Amino acid sequence: METTARDFNQNASRILAAAERGERITVTKNGRPVAILSPVAEDPVPDHPTDPMGDDDIPVFRSGSRIDWSEGRGSYLEGFGV
């Protein structure tokens, strides 16, 4: 279902009832989608998921030599806003 922001403003209870029945409603303003109204699931989704989000196989990059910082930063950090 799709509705305009004006129609949503004037018929909010009818539109919310449709969402309660399981419909997903896209609200548009000036022809552009601005919001999606969907029914609440029985198992709410947490704001910040705590489960792993993928493999922890992050590559570690090591260079063969260490940087000599005895003369200061030099040009090592040039372009990084330092």
Protein backbone atom coordinates (compact mmCIF):
# COMPACT_ATOMS: atom_id res chain seq x y z
CA MET A 1 0.00 0.00 0.00
CA GLU A 2 1.16 3.54 -0.70
CA THR A 3 -0.17 6.78 0.72
CA THR A 4 0.76 10.44 0.69
CA ALA A 5 1.88 12.33 3.78
CA ARG A 6 -1.30 14.40 3.58
CA ASP A 7 -3.51 11.31 3.38
CA PHE A 8 -1.60 9.76 6.28
CA ASN A 9 -2.16 12.93 8.32
CA GLN A 10 -5.91 12.90 7.59
CA ASN A 11 -6.48 9.12 7.86
CA ALA A 12 -3.86 7.93 10.32
CA SER A 13 -6.14 5.51 12.19
CA ARG A 14 -7.27 3.79 8.95
CA ILE A 15 -3.66 3.47 7.76
CA LEU A 16 -2.42 2.21 11.14
CA ALA A 17 -5.22 -0.38 11.11
CA ALA A 18 -3.92 -1.60 7.74
CA ALA A 19 -0.43 -1.95 9.22
CA GLU A 20 -1.91 -3.82 12.16
CA ARG A 21 -3.50 -6.26 9.69
CA GLY A 22 -0.03 -6.95 8.29
CA GLU A 23 0.22 -4.49 5.41
CA ARG A 24 3.37 -2.56 4.71
CA ILE A 25 2.68 1.10 3.87
CA THR A 26 4.99 3.49 2.04
CA VAL A 27 4.37 7.15 2.84
CA THR A 28 5.33 9.58 0.08
CA LYS A 29 5.83 13.34 0.06
CA ASN A 30 5.93 15.18 -3.26
CA GLY A 31 6.10 11.80 -5.00
CA ARG A 32 9.18 10.61 -3.07
CA PRO A 33 9.07 7.81 -0.48
CA VAL A 34 9.87 9.24 2.96
CA ALA A 35 8.78 6.50 5.37
CA ILE A 36 7.76 2.87 5.53
CA LEU A 37 5.18 1.74 8.04
CA SER A 38 5.26 -1.96 8.78
CA PRO A 39 3.65 -4.23 11.34
CA VAL A 40 5.56 -4.94 14.53
CA ALA A 41 7.05 -8.42 14.54
CA GLU A 42 6.47 -10.72 17.48
CA ASP A 43 10.24 -10.91 18.07
CA PRO A 44 11.42 -7.30 18.24
CA VAL A 45 14.70 -6.51 16.54
CA PRO A 46 17.18 -4.96 19.00
CA ASP A 47 18.44 -1.46 18.22
CA HIS A 48 22.02 -2.70 18.35
CA PRO A 49 22.38 -6.37 17.39
CA THR A 50 24.73 -8.27 19.65
CA ASP A 51 25.26 -11.35 17.51
CA PRO A 52 28.40 -11.77 15.39
CA MET A 53 28.12 -10.06 12.04
CA GLY A 54 30.52 -12.20 10.10
CA ASP A 55 33.83 -13.98 10.18
CA ASP A 56 36.62 -12.48 12.20
CA ASP A 57 39.19 -13.18 9.48
CA ILE A 58 40.47 -9.63 9.17
CA PRO A 59 43.81 -9.52 7.38
CA VAL A 60 46.73 -8.12 9.34
CA PHE A 61 49.22 -6.15 7.28
CA ARG A 62 52.80 -6.05 8.47
CA SER A 63 55.73 -4.43 6.75
CA GLY A 64 59.15 -5.99 6.86
CA SER A 65 60.77 -3.07 8.65
CA ARG A 66 59.92 -0.90 11.60
CA ILE A 67 59.57 2.87 11.25
CA ASP A 68 62.27 4.92 12.94
CA TRP A 69 60.42 7.69 14.80
CA SER A 70 63.57 9.18 16.36
CA GLU A 71 63.53 12.11 13.91
CA GLY A 72 59.83 12.87 14.47
CA ARG A 73 56.92 12.08 12.28
CA GLY A 74 58.47 13.39 9.12
CA SER A 75 56.35 12.76 6.06
CA TYR A 76 54.91 9.48 7.34
CA LEU A 77 51.60 11.10 8.29
CA GLU A 78 51.46 13.67 5.52
CA GLY A 79 47.94 13.97 4.17
CA PHE A 80 46.31 12.62 7.33
CA GLY A 81 45.48 16.05 8.74
CA VAL A 82 48.50 16.11 11.05
